[in-house]
Amino acid sequence: MANKLIRPIKKALAKEYGYKNVSVVNGSGTAWGWVDATITVDKNDTTDSEIIENATTIAREALRKNGLKFYTYGINDTEEFLLNLKHKN
């Protein structure tokens, strides 16, 4: 069974950062519900924290538009979303 969160997030992040620069997968086993995104960006004036904040907002909005939300866990309902940045050389 495919994780229904992957496609809308990949599409939205690819629109912003380029299809080849974005990878979105889900975890495996007991971490199946986790969404793990990797974005490759150029080194530029934008800080990593700004990119992470922007990409997280884009991902949340993509899910909201599709009537979805990140899975959560624990008492504090922590979102199961990991975002990694890579910098092009």
N, C-alpha and C. Protein backbone atom coordinates (compact mmCIF):
# COMPACT_ATOMS: atom_id res chain seq x y z
N MET A 1 0.85 -1.18 0.00
CA MET A 1 0.00 0.00 0.00
C MET A 1 0.90 1.24 0.00
N ALA A 2 0.65 2.15 -0.90
CA ALA A 2 1.46 3.36 -1.01
C ALA A 2 1.04 4.39 0.04
N ASN A 3 2.00 5.16 0.50
CA ASN A 3 1.72 6.25 1.43
C ASN A 3 1.14 7.41 0.63
N LYS A 4 -0.11 7.75 0.89
CA LYS A 4 -0.82 8.77 0.10
C LYS A 4 -0.29 10.18 0.32
N LEU A 5 0.60 10.37 1.26
CA LEU A 5 1.16 11.69 1.53
C LEU A 5 2.30 12.05 0.58
N ILE A 6 2.93 11.04 0.00
CA ILE A 6 4.15 11.25 -0.79
C ILE A 6 3.90 12.09 -2.04
N ARG A 7 2.95 11.71 -2.85
CA ARG A 7 2.74 12.35 -4.16
C ARG A 7 2.46 13.85 -4.06
N PRO A 8 1.51 14.32 -3.22
CA PRO A 8 1.27 15.76 -3.20
C PRO A 8 2.46 16.57 -2.67
N ILE A 9 3.21 16.00 -1.74
CA ILE A 9 4.39 16.70 -1.22
C ILE A 9 5.47 16.77 -2.29
N LYS A 10 5.73 15.66 -2.96
CA LYS A 10 6.74 15.63 -4.03
C LYS A 10 6.38 16.65 -5.12
N LYS A 11 5.14 16.67 -5.54
CA LYS A 11 4.70 17.58 -6.60
C LYS A 11 4.90 19.04 -6.19
N ALA A 12 4.51 19.38 -4.98
CA ALA A 12 4.61 20.77 -4.52
C ALA A 12 6.07 21.20 -4.34
N LEU A 13 6.87 20.33 -3.74
CA LEU A 13 8.28 20.68 -3.53
C LEU A 13 9.04 20.73 -4.86
N ALA A 14 8.69 19.84 -5.79
CA ALA A 14 9.34 19.84 -7.10
C ALA A 14 9.02 21.11 -7.87
N LYS A 15 7.82 21.63 -7.69
CA LYS A 15 7.44 22.88 -8.36
C LYS A 15 8.33 24.03 -7.87
N GLU A 16 8.69 24.01 -6.61
CA GLU A 16 9.50 25.07 -6.02
C GLU A 16 11.00 24.87 -6.25
N TYR A 17 11.47 23.62 -6.14
CA TYR A 17 12.91 23.35 -6.14
C TYR A 17 13.41 22.55 -7.35
N GLY A 18 12.51 22.10 -8.20
CA GLY A 18 12.90 21.31 -9.37
C GLY A 18 12.76 19.82 -9.08
N TYR A 19 12.17 19.10 -10.04
CA TYR A 19 11.86 17.68 -9.85
C TYR A 19 13.10 16.86 -9.48
N LYS A 20 14.20 17.09 -10.18
CA LYS A 20 15.41 16.30 -9.93
C LYS A 20 16.09 16.65 -8.61
N ASN A 21 15.70 17.75 -7.99
CA ASN A 21 16.31 18.18 -6.74
C ASN A 21 15.52 17.74 -5.50
N VAL A 22 14.44 17.00 -5.72
CA VAL A 22 13.56 16.63 -4.61
C VAL A 22 13.35 15.12 -4.58
N SER A 23 13.51 14.55 -3.40
CA SER A 23 13.19 13.14 -3.17
C SER A 23 12.26 13.08 -1.97
N VAL A 24 11.15 12.37 -2.12
CA VAL A 24 10.21 12.21 -1.01
C VAL A 24 9.85 10.74 -0.91
N VAL A 25 10.13 10.15 0.24
CA VAL A 25 9.85 8.73 0.46
C VAL A 25 9.23 8.56 1.85
N ASN A 26 8.67 7.38 2.08
CA ASN A 26 8.20 7.09 3.43
C ASN A 26 9.15 6.11 4.10
N GLY A 27 9.05 6.04 5.40
CA GLY A 27 9.88 5.12 6.16
C GLY A 27 9.46 3.69 5.91
N SER A 28 10.15 2.78 6.56
CA SER A 28 9.80 1.37 6.41
C SER A 28 9.53 0.76 7.78
N GLY A 29 8.86 -0.36 7.76
CA GLY A 29 8.54 -1.04 9.02
C GLY A 29 7.64 -0.18 9.90
N THR A 30 8.00 -0.06 11.17
CA THR A 30 7.18 0.72 12.10
C THR A 30 7.25 2.21 11.82
N ALA A 31 8.19 2.65 11.00
CA ALA A 31 8.30 4.07 10.63
C ALA A 31 7.63 4.35 9.28
N TRP A 32 6.77 3.45 8.82
CA TRP A 32 6.15 3.57 7.51
C TRP A 32 5.46 4.92 7.31
N GLY A 33 4.82 5.46 8.33
CA GLY A 33 4.07 6.70 8.21
C GLY A 33 4.93 7.96 8.13
N TRP A 34 6.21 7.82 8.44
CA TRP A 34 7.10 8.98 8.36
C TRP A 34 7.27 9.40 6.90
N VAL A 35 7.32 10.69 6.67
CA VAL A 35 7.63 11.24 5.35
C VAL A 35 9.03 11.84 5.45
N ASP A 36 9.91 11.39 4.57
CA ASP A 36 11.31 11.81 4.58
C ASP A 36 11.62 12.49 3.25
N ALA A 37 11.82 13.80 3.29
CA ALA A 37 12.09 14.58 2.08
C ALA A 37 13.53 15.06 2.07
N THR A 38 14.15 15.00 0.90
CA THR A 38 15.49 15.54 0.71
C THR A 38 15.44 16.53 -0.44
N ILE A 39 15.98 17.72 -0.21
CA ILE A 39 16.01 18.76 -1.23
C ILE A 39 17.47 19.14 -1.46
N THR A 40 17.87 19.17 -2.72
CA THR A 40 19.21 19.62 -3.09
C THR A 40 19.10 21.04 -3.60
N VAL A 41 19.86 21.95 -2.98
CA VAL A 41 19.79 23.37 -3.33
C VAL A 41 21.17 23.91 -3.66
N ASP A 42 21.19 24.99 -4.42
CA ASP A 42 22.43 25.72 -4.67
C ASP A 42 22.82 26.47 -3.40
N LYS A 43 24.12 26.67 -3.25
CA LYS A 43 24.56 27.54 -2.16
C LYS A 43 24.25 28.97 -2.60
N ASN A 44 23.45 29.66 -1.80
CA ASN A 44 23.08 31.02 -2.16
C ASN A 44 22.88 31.85 -0.90
N ASP A 45 22.21 32.96 -1.03
CA ASP A 45 22.03 33.87 0.09
C ASP A 45 20.96 33.39 1.08
N THR A 46 20.13 32.48 0.66
CA THR A 46 19.06 31.98 1.53
C THR A 46 19.67 31.03 2.56
N THR A 47 19.29 31.20 3.80
CA THR A 47 19.82 30.34 4.86
C THR A 47 19.11 28.99 4.86
N ASP A 48 19.78 28.00 5.41
CA ASP A 48 19.16 26.67 5.51
C ASP A 48 17.85 26.74 6.28
N SER A 49 17.81 27.52 7.35
CA SER A 49 16.59 27.59 8.15
C SER A 49 15.43 28.19 7.35
N GLU A 50 15.72 29.14 6.47
CA GLU A 50 14.67 29.72 5.63
C GLU A 50 14.16 28.69 4.62
N ILE A 51 15.06 27.91 4.05
CA ILE A 51 14.67 26.87 3.10
C ILE A 51 13.82 25.82 3.80
N ILE A 52 14.26 25.40 4.98
CA ILE A 52 13.52 24.38 5.73
C ILE A 52 12.13 24.89 6.10
N GLU A 53 12.04 26.12 6.57
CA GLU A 53 10.74 26.69 6.92
C GLU A 53 9.83 26.78 5.70
N ASN A 54 10.36 27.25 4.58
CA ASN A 54 9.59 27.37 3.35
C ASN A 54 9.12 26.00 2.85
N ALA A 55 10.02 25.03 2.82
CA ALA A 55 9.68 23.70 2.32
C ALA A 55 8.65 23.01 3.22
N THR A 56 8.76 23.19 4.52
CA THR A 56 7.80 22.61 5.45
C THR A 56 6.42 23.23 5.24
N THR A 57 6.38 24.54 5.03
CA THR A 57 5.11 25.22 4.77
C THR A 57 4.50 24.72 3.46
N ILE A 58 5.33 24.57 2.43
CA ILE A 58 4.85 24.06 1.14
C ILE A 58 4.28 22.66 1.31
N ALA A 59 4.96 21.80 2.04
CA ALA A 59 4.49 20.42 2.25
C ALA A 59 3.17 20.40 3.00
N ARG A 60 3.07 21.17 4.07
CA ARG A 60 1.81 21.22 4.84
C ARG A 60 0.65 21.72 3.97
N GLU A 61 0.91 22.77 3.18
CA GLU A 61 -0.13 23.35 2.33
C GLU A 61 -0.57 22.35 1.25
N ALA A 62 0.39 21.61 0.70
CA ALA A 62 0.05 20.60 -0.31
C ALA A 62 -0.88 19.54 0.28
N LEU A 63 -0.60 19.12 1.49
CA LEU A 63 -1.47 18.13 2.13
C LEU A 63 -2.84 18.73 2.44
N ARG A 64 -2.85 19.95 2.96
CA ARG A 64 -4.12 20.59 3.30
C ARG A 64 -5.02 20.71 2.07
N LYS A 65 -4.44 21.08 0.93
CA LYS A 65 -5.22 21.22 -0.31
C LYS A 65 -5.82 19.89 -0.75
N ASN A 66 -5.21 18.79 -0.33
CA ASN A 66 -5.69 17.46 -0.69
C ASN A 66 -6.47 16.79 0.44
N GLY A 67 -6.80 17.57 1.47
CA GLY A 67 -7.57 17.04 2.59
C GLY A 67 -6.79 16.06 3.45
N LEU A 68 -5.47 16.20 3.46
CA LEU A 68 -4.60 15.29 4.21
C LEU A 68 -3.81 16.06 5.26
N LYS A 69 -3.16 15.34 6.14
CA LYS A 69 -2.22 15.94 7.08
C LYS A 69 -1.17 14.90 7.43
N PHE A 70 -0.06 15.39 7.97
CA PHE A 70 0.99 14.46 8.39
C PHE A 70 0.46 13.56 9.49
N TYR A 71 0.92 12.32 9.51
CA TYR A 71 0.64 11.45 10.64
C TYR A 71 1.35 12.04 11.85
N THR A 72 0.82 11.79 13.02
CA THR A 72 1.44 12.28 14.24
C THR A 72 1.65 11.13 15.21
N TYR A 73 2.49 11.38 16.21
CA TYR A 73 2.70 10.36 17.22
C TYR A 73 2.93 11.03 18.56
N GLY A 74 2.75 10.28 19.61
CA GLY A 74 3.09 10.75 20.95
C GLY A 74 2.06 11.70 21.54
N ILE A 75 2.35 12.08 22.74
CA ILE A 75 1.45 12.95 23.51
C ILE A 75 1.32 14.32 22.87
N ASN A 76 2.41 14.83 22.29
CA ASN A 76 2.40 16.18 21.72
C ASN A 76 2.02 16.21 20.25
N ASP A 77 1.59 15.08 19.69
CA ASP A 77 1.20 15.00 18.28
C ASP A 77 2.29 15.55 17.36
N THR A 78 3.52 15.12 17.57
CA THR A 78 4.65 15.54 16.74
C THR A 78 4.46 15.01 15.33
N GLU A 79 4.62 15.90 14.33
CA GLU A 79 4.46 15.49 12.93
C GLU A 79 5.59 14.56 12.51
N GLU A 80 5.24 13.58 11.73
CA GLU A 80 6.20 12.61 11.24
C GLU A 80 6.73 13.06 9.88
N PHE A 81 7.55 14.13 9.90
CA PHE A 81 8.10 14.71 8.67
C PHE A 81 9.56 15.04 8.90
N LEU A 82 10.42 14.46 8.09
CA LEU A 82 11.85 14.74 8.16
C LEU A 82 12.25 15.47 6.89
N LEU A 83 13.01 16.53 7.02
CA LEU A 83 13.43 17.30 5.88
C LEU A 83 14.96 17.45 5.91
N ASN A 84 15.61 16.97 4.86
CA ASN A 84 17.06 17.03 4.76
C ASN A 84 17.45 17.97 3.63
N LEU A 85 18.52 18.71 3.82
CA LEU A 85 19.03 19.58 2.78
C LEU A 85 20.39 19.09 2.32
N LYS A 86 20.60 19.13 1.04
CA LYS A 86 21.93 18.87 0.45
C LYS A 86 22.28 20.10 -0.34
N HIS A 87 23.56 20.44 -0.35
CA HIS A 87 24.02 21.59 -1.13
C HIS A 87 24.81 21.11 -2.34
N LYS A 88 24.50 21.70 -3.49
CA LYS A 88 25.26 21.39 -4.69
C LYS A 88 26.65 21.99 -4.53
N ASN A 89 27.64 21.30 -5.05
CA ASN A 89 29.02 21.80 -4.94
C ASN A 89 29.26 22.96 -5.85
